[in-house]
Amino acid sequence: MVQFTCMTTKKKFEVEDPEILVLRNGRFAYRAECPWQGKNGKTLTAFKFASKKAYEDQFADKEEVEQIVEQEVEQEVEME
């Protein structure tokens, strides 16, 4: 669970498993949509710096899930 502050509304909110990305300057950051809208219905986005380890862990989790799905598909093909 990561706590963000929406800079437009100055309100805090929490997000479970937010996206982690690499910024142009090479730093890592969490990104999440704010639950509030800006003027004229604009979508607001909040950022918060993250660690390299968190970024690597995010991809490690995705790789594990992909491997499990591949194994299940292989098992289904063998059963047919």
Protein backbone atom coordinates (compact mmCIF):
# COMPACT_ATOMS: atom_id res chain seq x y z
CA MET A 1 0.00 0.00 0.00
CA VAL A 2 1.51 3.34 -1.08
CA GLN A 3 0.25 6.70 0.13
CA PHE A 4 0.08 9.52 -2.44
CA THR A 5 -0.77 13.20 -2.22
CA CYS A 6 -2.76 14.71 -5.08
CA MET A 7 -0.94 18.00 -5.69
CA THR A 8 -4.00 19.69 -7.19
CA THR A 9 -6.46 18.92 -4.39
CA LYS A 10 -3.82 18.57 -1.61
CA LYS A 11 -5.62 15.43 -0.42
CA LYS A 12 -3.96 12.13 0.48
CA PHE A 13 -5.04 8.73 -0.81
CA GLU A 14 -3.68 5.17 -0.82
CA VAL A 15 -3.18 2.77 -3.71
CA GLU A 16 -2.44 -0.94 -3.51
CA ASP A 17 0.27 -2.12 -5.96
CA PRO A 18 0.67 1.06 -8.04
CA GLU A 19 2.54 1.02 -11.35
CA ILE A 20 6.30 1.69 -11.12
CA LEU A 21 8.10 3.30 -14.04
CA VAL A 22 11.42 4.86 -14.97
CA LEU A 23 11.38 8.63 -15.44
CA ARG A 24 13.40 10.42 -18.13
CA ASN A 25 16.04 11.32 -15.55
CA GLY A 26 16.54 7.63 -14.73
CA ARG A 27 14.82 7.69 -11.34
CA PHE A 28 12.05 5.26 -10.43
CA ALA A 29 8.56 6.44 -9.50
CA TYR A 30 5.15 5.12 -8.56
CA ARG A 31 2.28 6.44 -10.69
CA ALA A 32 -1.43 6.39 -9.87
CA GLU A 33 -4.56 8.21 -10.94
CA CYS A 34 -6.06 10.49 -8.32
CA PRO A 35 -9.61 9.58 -7.27
CA TRP A 36 -10.65 13.19 -7.95
CA GLN A 37 -11.00 15.02 -11.24
CA GLY A 38 -9.53 18.35 -12.24
CA LYS A 39 -11.23 21.18 -14.07
CA ASN A 40 -13.34 20.15 -17.05
CA GLY A 41 -13.14 16.50 -15.98
CA LYS A 42 -9.37 16.12 -16.47
CA THR A 43 -7.76 13.01 -15.03
CA LEU A 44 -5.20 13.87 -12.36
CA THR A 45 -2.08 11.73 -11.90
CA ALA A 46 0.07 11.49 -8.78
CA PHE A 47 3.73 10.43 -8.68
CA LYS A 48 5.96 9.36 -5.82
CA PHE A 49 9.61 8.31 -5.96
CA ALA A 50 10.27 4.57 -5.65
CA SER A 51 13.33 2.42 -5.10
CA LYS A 52 15.12 0.37 -7.73
CA LYS A 53 14.37 -2.74 -5.67
CA ALA A 54 10.61 -2.03 -5.82
CA TYR A 55 10.89 -1.65 -9.60
CA GLU A 56 12.76 -4.95 -9.95
CA ASP A 57 10.33 -6.72 -7.61
CA GLN A 58 7.41 -5.57 -9.75
CA PHE A 59 8.85 -7.34 -12.80
CA ALA A 60 9.87 -10.41 -10.80
CA ASP A 61 6.25 -10.83 -9.68
CA LYS A 62 4.99 -10.48 -13.27
CA GLU A 63 7.50 -13.06 -14.52
CA GLU A 64 6.37 -15.55 -11.86
CA VAL A 65 2.73 -15.08 -12.85
CA GLU A 66 3.58 -15.52 -16.55
CA GLN A 67 5.45 -18.75 -15.79
CA ILE A 68 2.51 -20.14 -13.82
CA VAL A 69 0.09 -19.28 -16.65
CA GLU A 70 2.38 -20.93 -19.20
CA GLN A 71 2.55 -24.10 -17.08
CA GLU A 72 -1.24 -24.21 -16.79
CA VAL A 73 -1.64 -23.81 -20.55
CA GLU A 74 0.86 -26.61 -21.17
CA GLN A 75 -1.04 -28.88 -18.76
CA GLU A 76 -4.33 -28.16 -20.54
CA VAL A 77 -2.77 -28.98 -23.91
CA GLU A 78 -1.39 -32.28 -22.55
CA MET A 79 -4.82 -33.21 -21.17
CA GLU A 80 -6.44 -32.81 -24.59
